[in-house]
Amino acid sequence: MDRQRAERFQDLIVWQKSHALTLRAYKITKSFPKEELFGLTSQMRRAAVSVAANIAEGFSKKGRPDKARLMNISQGSLEELRYYFILSRDIGYVDSKDQWHDLDEVARLLGAYV
């Protein structure tokens, strides 16, 4: 939605991009070793879900401080997810470069939304 008032959180481009990033994290972690299921796989998925979920929750808040707090939590979760992608790359689980652009784009959109 370009410059129109969003009626649902799904209308927000920042949510759409963060949801796509969450789906990417799930797809990538499917190939992680089974011993990571309760470790890195779980942490990475949790951080990714937190980004989009807090945007959705923040959308419903009426007060600016509540919205800002939830967007701030989303930003923190996004940086946590960024670290997990770095770790995954450095230990040889991930070689894709696509997620870096997506992470940066969501960070930029979150910064503009706050």
Protein backbone atom coordinates (compact mmCIF):
# COMPACT_ATOMS: atom_id res chain seq x y z
CA MET A 1 0.00 0.00 0.00
CA ASP A 2 1.73 3.15 -1.17
CA ARG A 3 1.00 6.03 1.16
CA GLN A 4 -2.49 4.77 1.91
CA ARG A 5 -3.57 4.12 5.45
CA ALA A 6 -3.13 0.46 6.28
CA GLU A 7 -6.30 -1.19 7.51
CA ARG A 8 -4.64 -4.43 8.64
CA PHE A 9 -1.11 -5.25 9.70
CA GLN A 10 -0.85 -7.41 6.56
CA ASP A 11 -1.08 -4.20 4.51
CA LEU A 12 2.21 -2.93 5.97
CA ILE A 13 5.15 -3.43 3.63
CA VAL A 14 7.43 -3.82 6.65
CA TRP A 15 5.29 -6.73 7.87
CA GLN A 16 5.15 -8.29 4.39
CA LYS A 17 8.95 -8.18 4.08
CA SER A 18 9.49 -9.47 7.62
CA HIS A 19 7.03 -12.32 7.00
CA ALA A 20 8.94 -13.25 3.83
CA LEU A 21 12.15 -13.21 5.88
CA THR A 22 10.52 -15.51 8.44
CA LEU A 23 9.56 -17.95 5.69
CA ARG A 24 13.15 -17.82 4.40
CA ALA A 25 14.49 -18.58 7.90
CA TYR A 26 12.19 -21.60 8.17
CA LYS A 27 13.24 -22.85 4.74
CA ILE A 28 16.94 -22.41 5.46
CA THR A 29 16.78 -24.08 8.87
CA LYS A 30 15.08 -27.17 7.41
CA SER A 31 18.49 -28.21 6.11
CA PHE A 32 20.30 -27.68 9.43
CA PRO A 33 21.62 -30.78 11.21
CA LYS A 34 19.10 -32.53 13.46
CA GLU A 35 21.23 -31.82 16.53
CA GLU A 36 20.47 -28.10 15.99
CA LEU A 37 16.69 -28.62 16.25
CA PHE A 38 16.52 -27.37 19.84
CA GLY A 39 19.50 -25.04 19.43
CA LEU A 40 20.22 -22.81 16.47
CA THR A 41 17.19 -23.91 14.43
CA SER A 42 14.79 -23.08 17.25
CA GLN A 43 16.51 -19.79 18.15
CA MET A 44 16.64 -18.61 14.56
CA ARG A 45 12.99 -19.39 13.93
CA ARG A 46 11.92 -17.77 17.19
CA ALA A 47 13.81 -14.55 16.38
CA ALA A 48 12.34 -14.43 12.86
CA VAL A 49 8.79 -14.97 14.11
CA SER A 50 9.30 -12.29 16.76
CA VAL A 51 10.10 -9.64 14.15
CA ALA A 52 6.82 -10.06 12.24
CA ALA A 53 4.71 -10.83 15.33
CA ASN A 54 5.75 -7.66 17.14
CA ILE A 55 5.03 -5.57 14.05
CA ALA A 56 1.55 -7.12 13.94
CA GLU A 57 0.98 -6.50 17.64
CA GLY A 58 2.33 -2.95 17.41
CA PHE A 59 -0.03 -2.17 14.56
CA SER A 60 -3.02 -2.74 16.86
CA LYS A 61 -1.76 -0.41 19.60
CA LYS A 62 -3.34 3.02 19.75
CA GLY A 63 -0.67 4.86 21.71
CA ARG A 64 2.60 5.91 20.12
CA PRO A 65 4.74 4.70 23.07
CA ASP A 66 3.26 1.19 22.83
CA LYS A 67 3.80 1.09 19.05
CA ALA A 68 7.37 2.33 19.43
CA ARG A 69 8.15 -0.23 22.15
CA LEU A 70 6.98 -3.12 19.98
CA MET A 71 8.82 -1.84 16.90
CA ASN A 72 11.93 -1.58 19.08
CA ILE A 73 11.48 -5.23 20.11
CA SER A 74 11.15 -6.11 16.41
CA GLN A 75 14.41 -4.30 15.68
CA GLY A 76 16.15 -6.21 18.47
CA SER A 77 14.82 -9.52 17.19
CA LEU A 78 15.93 -8.62 13.67
CA GLU A 79 19.49 -8.01 14.84
CA GLU A 80 19.39 -11.27 16.78
CA LEU A 81 18.30 -13.01 13.56
CA ARG A 82 21.12 -11.28 11.68
CA TYR A 83 23.60 -12.77 14.14
CA TYR A 84 22.12 -16.25 13.69
CA PHE A 85 22.53 -15.91 9.91
CA ILE A 86 26.17 -14.85 10.44
CA LEU A 87 26.77 -17.80 12.77
CA SER A 88 25.05 -20.18 10.34
CA ARG A 89 27.25 -18.94 7.53
CA ASP A 90 30.43 -19.13 9.59
CA ILE A 91 29.83 -22.73 10.69
CA GLY A 92 28.95 -23.77 7.15
CA TYR A 93 25.18 -24.24 7.37
CA VAL A 94 24.27 -21.39 5.00
CA ASP A 95 25.94 -20.12 1.85
CA SER A 96 23.06 -18.04 0.45
CA LYS A 97 23.59 -14.30 0.18
CA ASP A 98 19.95 -13.37 -0.42
CA GLN A 99 19.06 -12.96 3.24
CA TRP A 100 21.50 -10.05 3.75
CA HIS A 101 19.53 -7.78 1.42
CA ASP A 102 16.27 -8.86 3.06
CA LEU A 103 17.63 -8.21 6.56
CA ASP A 104 18.84 -4.74 5.54
CA GLU A 105 15.54 -3.92 3.86
CA VAL A 106 13.47 -4.91 6.90
CA ALA A 107 15.83 -2.91 9.14
CA ARG A 108 15.40 0.16 6.93
CA LEU A 109 11.62 -0.19 6.84
CA LEU A 110 11.41 -0.71 10.60
CA GLY A 111 13.53 2.39 11.16
CA ALA A 112 11.20 4.42 8.95
CA TYR A 113 8.08 3.03 10.63
CA VAL A 114 9.16 3.99 14.14
